[in-house]
Amino acid sequence: MRKIMLAVIALLFGSAGLFSLVYAGDTKANVEEMKGEVKSDAQKAKGETKAAGEELKGNKQKAKTKRAEGKAKAAEEKAKAKEKETKARTEP
């Protein structure tokens, strides 16, 4: 399951990277936003995966910490994407 998820994410990143070379302006900004969403979702999924592993071990507190880390990293990725999106919109 994890390998499949990573393969799908890699394909999305690859295709989004190609699109950003072709399009400019608003379209490029939209692509940056989508890439940020994908990265954000990937970080959340990583956090959930790690949390599930910790719950299996019986470490509920560590599971909460891993979930929180995943959410924090997801928020960070969204912020980076928003910055790139704004930059792409203001480029000539």
Protein backbone atom coordinates (compact mmCIF):
# COMPACT_ATOMS: atom_id res chain seq x y z
CA MET A 1 0.00 0.00 0.00
CA ARG A 2 2.76 2.41 0.94
CA LYS A 3 4.74 1.64 -2.23
CA ILE A 4 1.67 2.29 -4.35
CA MET A 5 1.03 5.59 -2.58
CA LEU A 6 4.63 6.69 -3.10
CA ALA A 7 4.49 5.72 -6.78
CA VAL A 8 1.30 7.74 -7.30
CA ILE A 9 2.80 10.74 -5.52
CA ALA A 10 5.97 10.47 -7.62
CA LEU A 11 3.91 10.42 -10.81
CA LEU A 12 1.93 13.44 -9.68
CA PHE A 13 5.11 15.36 -8.89
CA GLY A 14 6.63 14.41 -12.24
CA SER A 15 3.60 15.47 -14.24
CA ALA A 16 3.16 18.67 -12.23
CA GLY A 17 6.83 19.51 -12.84
CA LEU A 18 6.37 19.14 -16.60
CA PHE A 19 3.25 21.28 -16.57
CA SER A 20 5.00 24.09 -14.72
CA LEU A 21 7.58 24.32 -17.51
CA VAL A 22 4.92 24.64 -20.20
CA TYR A 23 2.41 27.03 -18.62
CA ALA A 24 2.88 30.52 -17.23
CA GLY A 25 0.95 33.07 -15.22
CA ASP A 26 -2.27 31.93 -13.60
CA THR A 27 -1.95 28.41 -14.90
CA LYS A 28 1.50 28.08 -13.37
CA ALA A 29 0.13 29.45 -10.11
CA ASN A 30 -2.64 26.86 -10.14
CA VAL A 31 -0.11 24.11 -10.76
CA GLU A 32 1.97 25.32 -7.82
CA GLU A 33 -1.13 25.27 -5.67
CA MET A 34 -1.93 21.70 -6.72
CA LYS A 35 1.64 20.58 -6.06
CA GLY A 36 1.40 22.09 -2.60
CA GLU A 37 -1.83 20.22 -1.94
CA VAL A 38 -0.25 16.94 -3.02
CA LYS A 39 2.79 17.51 -0.83
CA SER A 40 0.55 18.50 2.06
CA ASP A 41 -1.55 15.37 1.68
CA ALA A 42 1.62 13.28 1.49
CA GLN A 43 2.87 14.75 4.78
CA LYS A 44 -0.47 14.07 6.44
CA ALA A 45 -0.39 10.49 5.16
CA LYS A 46 3.14 10.01 6.49
CA GLY A 47 2.05 11.27 9.89
CA GLU A 48 -0.97 8.97 9.94
CA THR A 49 1.17 6.00 8.89
CA LYS A 50 3.69 6.65 11.64
CA ALA A 51 0.89 7.22 14.16
CA ALA A 52 -0.76 3.92 13.22
CA GLY A 53 2.55 2.14 13.76
CA GLU A 54 2.93 3.70 17.19
CA GLU A 55 -0.64 2.78 18.11
CA LEU A 56 0.08 -0.81 17.19
CA LYS A 57 3.01 -0.71 19.59
CA GLY A 58 0.72 0.72 22.27
CA ASN A 59 2.28 4.18 22.36
CA LYS A 60 -0.76 6.44 22.24
CA GLN A 61 1.14 9.57 23.22
CA LYS A 62 3.73 9.03 20.49
CA ALA A 63 0.91 8.41 18.03
CA LYS A 64 -0.61 11.78 18.90
CA THR A 65 2.80 13.39 18.48
CA LYS A 66 3.32 11.79 15.05
CA ARG A 67 -0.13 12.96 13.91
CA ALA A 68 0.64 16.47 15.10
CA GLU A 69 4.00 16.42 13.31
CA GLY A 70 2.29 15.32 10.11
CA LYS A 71 -0.29 18.09 10.38
CA ALA A 72 2.40 20.68 11.10
CA LYS A 73 4.46 19.61 8.11
CA ALA A 74 1.31 19.65 5.97
CA ALA A 75 0.61 23.23 7.04
CA GLU A 76 4.21 24.14 6.24
CA GLU A 77 3.91 22.66 2.75
CA LYS A 78 0.68 24.59 2.16
CA ALA A 79 2.37 27.82 3.23
CA LYS A 80 5.28 27.17 0.87
CA ALA A 81 2.85 26.43 -1.95
CA LYS A 82 0.93 29.64 -1.28
CA GLU A 83 4.19 31.60 -1.44
CA LYS A 84 5.14 29.97 -4.75
CA GLU A 85 1.63 30.52 -6.10
CA THR A 86 1.78 34.23 -5.24
CA LYS A 87 5.19 34.52 -6.83
CA ALA A 88 3.98 32.78 -10.00
CA ARG A 89 0.96 35.12 -10.24
CA THR A 90 3.15 38.23 -9.99
CA GLU A 91 5.71 37.08 -12.56
CA PRO A 92 5.41 38.68 -16.00
